[in-house]
Protein backbone atom coordinates (compact mmCIF):
# COMPACT_ATOMS: atom_id res chain seq x y z
CA MET A 1 103.27 101.94 59.90
CA ARG A 2 102.11 98.69 61.49
CA ALA A 3 104.23 96.98 64.16
CA ASP A 4 104.53 93.74 62.14
CA ASP A 5 105.78 95.59 59.06
CA LEU A 6 108.30 97.67 61.01
CA PHE A 7 109.72 94.68 62.85
CA GLN A 8 109.95 92.39 59.82
CA GLN A 9 111.72 95.10 57.82
CA HIS A 10 114.57 95.42 60.35
CA ALA A 11 114.48 92.05 62.25
CA ARG A 12 117.68 90.58 60.79
CA GLU A 13 119.68 93.78 61.27
CA LEU A 14 118.30 94.18 64.80
CA ARG A 15 119.25 90.61 65.75
CA GLY A 16 122.79 91.14 64.50
CA TYR A 17 123.08 94.41 66.43
CA LEU A 18 122.01 92.75 69.69
CA ASN A 19 124.20 89.70 69.10
CA ARG A 20 127.29 91.88 68.62
CA HIS A 21 126.68 93.69 71.91
CA LEU A 22 125.55 90.69 73.98
CA GLY A 23 127.68 87.92 72.47
CA SER A 24 124.78 85.43 72.59
CA PRO A 25 122.52 84.51 69.65
CA ASP A 26 119.89 83.06 72.01
CA LEU A 27 119.79 86.17 74.17
CA ALA A 28 119.68 88.37 71.08
CA ALA A 29 116.67 86.37 69.81
CA ASP A 30 114.98 86.76 73.19
CA LEU A 31 115.41 90.52 73.22
CA CYS A 32 114.22 90.72 69.60
CA GLN A 33 111.06 89.00 70.71
CA GLU A 34 110.66 91.48 73.56
CA VAL A 35 111.11 94.37 71.13
CA TYR A 36 108.36 92.94 68.96
CA LEU A 37 106.04 92.49 71.97
CA ARG A 38 106.73 96.07 73.04
CA LEU A 39 105.79 97.29 69.55
CA ARG A 40 102.56 95.28 69.61
CA ARG A 41 101.62 96.70 73.00
CA MET A 42 102.22 100.23 71.76
CA GLU A 43 100.11 99.49 68.71
CA SER A 44 97.24 98.05 70.78
CA MET A 45 97.24 101.15 72.99
CA HIS A 46 96.40 103.20 69.89
CA ASN A 47 93.96 100.54 68.58
CA SER A 48 95.58 100.93 65.16
CA ALA A 49 98.98 101.32 63.55
CA LEU A 50 101.83 102.94 65.46
CA ALA A 51 101.49 106.67 65.98
CA ALA A 52 102.42 108.35 62.74
CA PRO A 53 104.34 109.83 61.21
CA LEU A 54 107.62 108.30 62.46
CA THR A 55 110.35 110.48 61.01
CA ASN A 56 112.89 107.65 61.42
CA PRO A 57 111.22 104.26 62.06
CA ARG A 58 114.55 102.40 62.15
CA ALA A 59 115.97 104.71 64.84
CA PHE A 60 112.73 104.33 66.81
CA LEU A 61 113.01 100.54 66.70
CA PHE A 62 116.69 100.46 67.69
CA ARG A 63 116.06 102.91 70.53
CA ILE A 64 113.57 100.43 72.01
CA ALA A 65 116.10 97.61 71.58
CA ARG A 66 118.91 99.61 73.21
CA ASN A 67 116.76 100.48 76.23
CA LEU A 68 115.70 96.86 76.69
CA MET A 69 119.30 95.71 76.41
CA ILE A 70 120.44 98.22 79.07
CA ASP A 71 117.65 97.09 81.40
CA HIS A 72 118.59 93.46 80.83
CA LEU A 73 122.29 94.02 81.59
CA ARG A 74 121.41 95.83 84.81
CA GLN A 75 119.09 93.05 85.95
CA GLN A 76 121.60 90.31 85.12
CA ARG A 77 124.01 91.65 87.71
CA ALA A 78 121.61 90.52 90.44
CA ARG A 79 119.77 87.65 88.75
CA PRO A 80 120.93 84.00 88.72
CA ALA A 81 121.35 82.42 85.27
CA THR A 82 119.17 79.40 86.10
CA VAL A 83 116.20 78.68 88.31
CA THR A 84 116.72 76.43 91.32
CA LEU A 85 114.62 73.27 91.36
CA HIS A 86 114.12 73.45 95.13
CA ASP A 87 111.66 76.08 96.27
CA PRO A 88 110.42 75.67 99.87
CA ASP A 89 107.65 78.21 99.25
CA LEU A 90 105.93 75.89 96.79
CA ARG A 91 105.73 72.58 98.65
CA LEU A 92 103.04 70.28 97.32
CA GLU A 93 103.17 67.91 100.23
CA SER A 94 103.34 68.26 103.99
CA GLY A 95 104.79 66.26 106.82
CA SER A 96 102.90 64.87 109.79
CA PRO A 97 99.18 65.50 109.21
CA THR A 98 98.38 67.41 112.39
CA PRO A 99 95.22 69.57 112.19
CA GLU A 100 97.33 72.72 111.91
CA ALA A 101 99.64 71.27 109.24
CA ALA A 102 96.80 69.76 107.25
CA ALA A 103 94.84 73.02 107.27
CA SER A 104 97.91 75.00 106.24
CA SER A 105 98.69 72.50 103.49
CA ALA A 106 95.13 72.75 102.16
CA GLN A 107 95.41 76.55 102.06
CA ASP A 108 98.77 76.32 100.24
CA LEU A 109 97.38 73.91 97.64
CA ALA A 110 94.33 76.06 97.03
CA GLY A 111 96.62 79.09 96.67
CA VAL A 112 98.95 77.37 94.20
CA GLN A 113 95.97 76.19 92.16
CA ALA A 114 94.40 79.65 91.99
CA ALA A 115 97.73 81.33 91.22
CA LEU A 116 98.65 78.96 88.39
CA THR A 117 95.28 79.23 86.67
CA GLU A 118 95.79 83.01 86.41
CA LEU A 119 99.04 82.65 84.46
CA PRO A 120 99.26 82.70 80.64
CA GLU A 121 99.19 79.15 79.33
CA HIS A 122 102.78 79.03 78.03
CA ILE A 123 104.19 80.31 81.34
CA ARG A 124 102.10 77.90 83.39
CA GLN A 125 103.13 75.05 81.11
CA ALA A 126 106.81 75.90 81.51
CA LEU A 127 106.55 75.66 85.29
CA LEU A 128 104.57 72.40 85.18
CA TRP A 129 107.04 70.79 82.79
CA ASN A 130 109.90 71.89 85.02
CA ARG A 131 108.42 70.93 88.39
CA LEU A 132 106.28 67.91 87.54
CA GLU A 133 108.13 66.30 84.64
CA GLY A 134 111.67 67.39 85.48
CA LEU A 135 112.38 68.96 82.10
CA THR A 136 115.38 71.26 81.86
CA GLN A 137 115.09 74.85 80.70
CA ARG A 138 116.67 73.84 77.39
CA GLU A 139 114.05 71.09 76.86
CA ILE A 140 111.24 73.47 77.78
CA GLY A 141 112.57 76.08 75.39
CA GLY A 142 112.59 73.48 72.62
CA ARG A 143 108.96 72.58 73.27
CA LEU A 144 107.82 76.20 73.38
CA GLY A 145 109.98 77.41 70.52
CA VAL A 146 111.99 79.87 72.66
CA SER A 147 115.53 79.98 73.97
CA GLU A 148 116.73 78.29 77.15
CA ARG A 149 117.07 81.67 78.85
CA MET A 150 113.54 82.69 77.91
CA ALA A 151 112.24 79.41 79.34
CA GLY A 152 114.03 80.27 82.56
CA LYS A 153 112.32 83.66 82.58
CA TYR A 154 108.96 81.97 82.21
CA ILE A 155 109.66 79.74 85.20
CA THR A 156 110.93 82.66 87.27
CA ARG A 157 107.82 84.69 86.46
CA ALA A 158 105.54 81.78 87.39
CA LEU A 159 107.31 81.24 90.71
CA SER A 160 107.20 84.94 91.56
CA HIS A 161 103.50 85.09 90.75
CA CYS A 162 102.73 82.03 92.90
CA ARG A 163 104.75 83.33 95.85
CA ALA A 164 103.00 86.72 95.68
CA TRP A 165 99.60 85.04 95.47
CA LEU A 166 100.34 82.81 98.46
CA ALA A 167 101.60 85.76 100.50
CA ALA A 168 98.39 87.68 99.80
CA ALA A 169 96.30 84.61 100.65
CA MET A 170 98.10 84.14 103.97
CA LEU A 171 97.61 87.82 104.80
CA LEU A 172 93.90 87.47 104.11
CA LEU A 173 93.83 84.35 106.26
CA MET A 174 95.40 86.25 109.15
CA VAL A 175 92.84 89.05 108.77
CA THR A 176 89.77 86.82 108.53
CA GLY A 177 90.94 84.64 111.39
CA ALA A 178 90.90 80.94 112.17
CA ALA A 179 87.16 80.64 111.57
CA GLN A 180 87.91 79.92 107.91
CA LEU A 181 90.00 76.87 108.77
CA PRO A 182 88.29 73.51 109.39
CA TRP A 183 89.32 73.21 113.04
CA ARG A 184 85.89 71.85 114.05
CA VAL A 185 86.20 68.99 111.57
CA TRP A 186 88.93 67.29 113.60
CA GLY A 187 86.78 67.40 116.72
CA ALA A 188 83.60 66.17 115.01
CA ASP A 189 81.49 63.42 116.53
CA GLN A 190 81.82 61.40 113.32
CA ARG A 191 84.33 61.92 110.52
CA THR A 192 85.33 59.93 107.43
CA HIS A 193 88.45 59.99 105.32
CA ALA A 194 88.47 60.33 101.54
CA GLY A 195 87.35 57.06 99.96
CA GLU A 196 85.56 55.92 103.11
CA GLN A 197 81.79 55.40 103.50
CA ARG A 198 80.32 54.88 106.98
CA THR A 199 76.83 53.89 108.13
CA LEU A 200 75.62 55.14 111.53
CA ASN A 201 72.60 53.60 113.27
CA LEU A 202 71.21 56.19 115.68
CA ALA A 203 69.43 55.46 118.95
CA ASP A 204 66.09 56.74 117.60
CA GLY A 205 66.10 54.19 114.76
CA SER A 206 67.32 56.63 112.12
CA ARG A 207 70.27 55.85 109.85
CA VAL A 208 72.96 58.19 108.53
CA ILE A 209 75.36 57.27 105.72
CA LEU A 210 78.43 59.50 105.60
CA GLY A 211 80.23 59.94 102.29
CA GLY A 212 83.99 60.26 101.96
CA ASP A 213 85.79 63.22 103.53
CA SER A 214 82.73 64.19 105.59
CA ALA A 215 82.09 65.21 109.20
CA ILE A 216 79.02 65.68 111.41
CA ASN A 217 78.07 66.50 114.99
CA LEU A 218 75.12 64.71 116.60
CA THR A 219 72.66 65.86 119.27
CA LEU A 220 70.05 63.27 120.33
CA THR A 221 67.93 63.95 123.42
CA ASP A 222 64.42 63.10 124.58
CA ASN A 223 62.98 66.15 122.82
CA ARG A 224 65.54 66.98 120.15
CA ARG A 225 67.17 65.28 117.15
CA GLN A 226 69.76 67.40 115.39
CA VAL A 227 72.69 66.79 113.03
CA THR A 228 75.18 69.47 112.00
CA LEU A 229 76.95 68.75 108.71
CA LEU A 230 80.42 70.27 108.99
CA ARG A 231 81.82 69.00 105.70
CA GLY A 232 81.03 66.70 102.82
CA ARG A 233 77.77 64.81 102.35
CA ALA A 234 75.35 62.68 104.38
CA TYR A 235 72.33 60.60 103.46
CA PHE A 236 69.53 60.36 106.03
CA GLN A 237 66.87 57.71 106.59
CA VAL A 238 64.86 59.32 109.37
CA ALA A 239 62.64 57.27 111.68
CA LYS A 240 59.17 58.81 112.01
CA ASP A 241 58.51 60.74 115.20
CA PRO A 242 55.94 63.58 114.82
CA HIS A 243 56.68 64.84 118.32
CA ARG A 244 60.42 65.11 117.78
CA PRO A 245 61.40 66.67 114.41
CA PHE A 246 64.73 65.75 112.87
CA LEU A 247 66.84 68.84 112.10
CA VAL A 248 69.90 69.11 109.87
CA ASN A 249 72.06 72.24 109.82
CA ALA A 250 74.79 72.97 107.27
CA GLY A 251 76.13 76.48 107.64
CA LYS A 252 73.11 78.75 107.20
CA ALA A 253 71.04 76.00 105.57
CA ARG A 254 68.26 74.43 107.66
CA VAL A 255 66.38 71.18 106.99
CA ARG A 256 63.43 69.90 109.04
CA VAL A 257 61.63 66.55 108.71
CA THR A 258 59.68 64.07 110.83
CA GLY A 259 60.41 60.96 108.76
CA THR A 260 61.83 60.67 105.24
CA ARG A 261 64.92 59.95 103.13
CA PHE A 262 67.16 62.70 101.76
CA GLU A 263 70.76 63.80 101.15
CA VAL A 264 72.46 67.02 102.28
CA ARG A 265 75.72 67.98 100.63
CA LYS A 266 77.99 70.84 101.66
CA GLU A 267 79.59 71.76 98.36
CA SER A 268 81.65 74.63 99.80
CA ALA A 269 81.65 77.00 102.74
CA GLU A 270 78.82 79.00 101.12
CA ALA A 271 77.00 76.39 99.02
CA VAL A 272 74.72 73.58 100.26
CA ARG A 273 72.54 71.18 98.29
CA LEU A 274 69.48 69.17 99.39
CA THR A 275 68.06 66.22 97.41
CA VAL A 276 64.88 64.46 98.53
CA ALA A 277 64.49 60.74 97.78
CA GLU A 278 61.27 60.06 99.68
CA GLY A 279 58.65 61.93 101.72
CA ARG A 280 58.49 65.67 102.33
CA VAL A 281 61.25 67.96 103.62
CA ILE A 282 61.09 71.58 104.81
CA ALA A 283 64.10 73.65 103.73
CA SER A 284 64.67 77.17 105.06
CA GLY A 285 67.19 79.94 104.53
CA GLU A 286 67.31 83.69 104.94
CA ARG A 287 63.68 84.97 104.80
CA ARG A 288 62.41 81.98 102.83
CA ARG A 289 61.08 78.47 103.37
CA VAL A 290 60.03 75.79 100.87
CA THR A 291 58.66 72.24 101.10
CA LEU A 292 60.19 69.64 98.79
CA GLY A 293 58.87 66.26 97.71
CA ALA A 294 60.54 63.16 96.31
CA GLY A 295 62.69 63.83 93.25
CA GLU A 296 63.22 67.51 94.05
CA GLN A 297 66.40 69.42 94.82
CA VAL A 298 67.30 72.88 96.09
CA ARG A 299 70.50 74.81 96.77
CA TRP A 300 71.56 77.47 99.25
CA ARG A 301 74.18 80.04 98.28
CA GLN A 302 75.48 82.29 101.05
CA GLY A 303 72.45 81.32 103.11
CA ARG A 304 69.93 82.25 100.42
CA LEU A 305 67.57 79.52 99.29
CA GLY A 306 67.33 79.02 95.53
CA ASP A 307 64.60 77.62 93.31
CA THR A 308 63.39 74.03 93.51
CA ALA A 309 64.28 71.74 90.58
CA ARG A 310 63.43 68.20 89.48
CA VAL A 311 66.41 65.82 89.36
CA ASP A 312 67.27 62.20 88.63
CA VAL A 313 67.54 60.95 92.21
CA ALA A 314 69.00 57.57 91.22
CA ARG A 315 71.90 59.28 89.41
CA THR A 316 72.44 61.88 92.14
CA LEU A 317 72.57 59.23 94.88
CA ALA A 318 74.45 56.58 92.90
CA TRP A 319 77.42 57.06 95.26
CA LEU A 320 75.45 55.09 97.88
CA GLU A 321 75.81 52.04 95.62
CA GLY A 322 79.46 52.69 94.84
CA ARG A 323 78.91 54.36 91.47
CA LEU A 324 79.39 57.82 89.96
CA VAL A 325 77.14 58.55 86.98
CA PHE A 326 77.80 61.55 84.74
CA ARG A 327 75.66 62.79 81.87
CA ASP A 328 77.16 65.55 79.72
CA GLN A 329 78.90 67.20 82.67
CA PRO A 330 82.05 69.40 82.65
CA LEU A 331 85.35 67.94 83.80
CA ASN A 332 85.68 70.34 86.76
CA GLU A 333 82.33 69.08 88.08
CA ILE A 334 83.36 65.46 87.55
CA LEU A 335 86.58 65.99 89.50
CA ARG A 336 84.62 67.69 92.28
CA GLU A 337 82.33 64.63 92.49
CA LEU A 338 85.34 62.30 92.42
CA ALA A 339 87.27 64.13 95.16
CA PRO A 340 85.52 62.55 98.21
CA HIS A 341 86.34 59.09 96.85
CA HIS A 342 90.00 59.73 96.00
CA PRO A 343 92.64 59.51 98.75
CA ASP A 344 94.67 62.41 97.33
CA ARG A 345 93.89 66.06 96.73
CA LEU A 346 92.81 66.67 93.09
CA ILE A 347 93.93 69.90 91.46
CA LEU A 348 92.86 71.03 87.98
CA LEU A 349 95.11 73.71 86.50
CA ASN A 350 93.48 74.30 83.13
CA ARG A 351 90.18 76.18 83.18
CA ARG A 352 89.49 75.56 79.50
CA LEU A 353 90.01 71.84 80.00
CA GLY A 354 87.65 71.97 82.97
CA GLU A 355 84.84 73.07 80.65
CA ARG A 356 85.13 69.96 78.44
CA ARG A 357 81.98 67.83 78.85
CA LEU A 358 81.65 64.06 78.91
CA SER A 359 79.46 61.20 80.13
CA GLY A 360 80.23 57.92 81.85
CA THR A 361 79.68 55.60 84.80
CA PHE A 362 82.57 54.85 87.17
CA SER A 363 83.13 52.80 90.30
CA THR A 364 84.02 54.65 93.47
CA ALA A 365 86.01 51.63 94.66
CA ASP A 366 88.84 52.44 92.26
CA ALA A 367 88.89 56.22 91.95
CA GLY A 368 92.40 56.14 90.48
CA SER A 369 91.16 54.29 87.40
CA VAL A 370 88.68 57.13 86.75
CA LEU A 371 91.55 59.53 86.16
CA SER A 372 93.22 57.02 83.84
CA ALA A 373 89.99 56.69 81.86
CA LEU A 374 89.65 60.46 81.63
CA ALA A 375 93.24 60.75 80.38
CA GLN A 376 92.39 58.35 77.53
CA THR A 377 89.29 60.34 76.61
CA LEU A 378 90.49 63.93 76.95
CA PRO A 379 93.79 65.66 76.04
CA LEU A 380 94.96 65.95 79.63
CA THR A 381 97.99 64.97 81.69
CA VAL A 382 97.76 63.42 85.17
CA ARG A 383 100.73 63.77 87.53
CA ARG A 384 100.73 62.01 90.89
CA LEU A 385 102.73 63.44 93.78
CA PRO A 386 102.65 62.48 97.49
CA GLY A 387 99.14 63.44 98.62
CA VAL A 388 98.34 65.36 95.42
CA VAL A 389 97.14 64.58 91.90
CA ILE A 390 97.57 67.40 89.40
CA VAL A 391 95.52 67.43 86.19
CA TYR A 392 96.44 69.78 83.34
């Protein structure tokens, strides 16, 4: 017998049985749903109908319901009826932005983002409605088609999952050490904030344009010109000097020129991208070296140099002119490009939404309007909190 048939045959009688023992129609409906889910799991384990023959299907069904009811009554003795709205473990903003606090806040936000994207959509949505829109458990239950108590369970499960994820992330952070935190960024020779763009005229006649949320260290001597990109992106106009090469380091990525124009972007701790606008550039990684010309691009991943590709340099470097140009690109990539120009941290909590593709040209001067435009084009919600913008 299939799970759907067995449940539908006895659903009304089962709901009445649970209601008589629990004294709550909503709770009885919740446990009925759990009985049904248990049946479906048992059926999926056998990849077919429930193990047959069942000598007494009704008794089998009610035995499941009785066991679930006993477990529920035991848990209720130690479980609060509602979920508190204040949870210090899930702060989305921090206080004074010291280097230590800012680094810890960034780790927390990354942890919350990763934890929430792992949750089933209805459970994640329940937490977001509760925390970001202030909906009550009753209102959430109405939207999801479940009882108030079941909505509370969804929120509790989401909070427990996030706390466990953050605890594991902090343990990993303690094991890997402080090298993973951007301590060097705060002591950089030059650093920009999100939304800022800075032009540096170097003593050798070269020019460096730093994008938003970027940091570099500079070493200029009589026989050496070197820039270390710690974070973000930088555009270089290098003055020609064949006797003194210009070197750019970004993690394990190495760039060497004598005079040219190019951009180096540190996309993550393990990913670096080089785009050449003019002249020739030598790029090197682990056991490999390539020479790039104008209009070419290459990436490093974990220090390994990838293949060279042709790109639209004008579109890639449009940020130098205060524009962001997208051509059939996924939302998660668009938000990643927007992040250095937006003063707040951008968090996308819906992976499926992040795969939606679109095109457009936006001004970096008003990054907030980009999100408003995206909200009119795509079925997404934008919630602004102190220091954080959440998209879902």
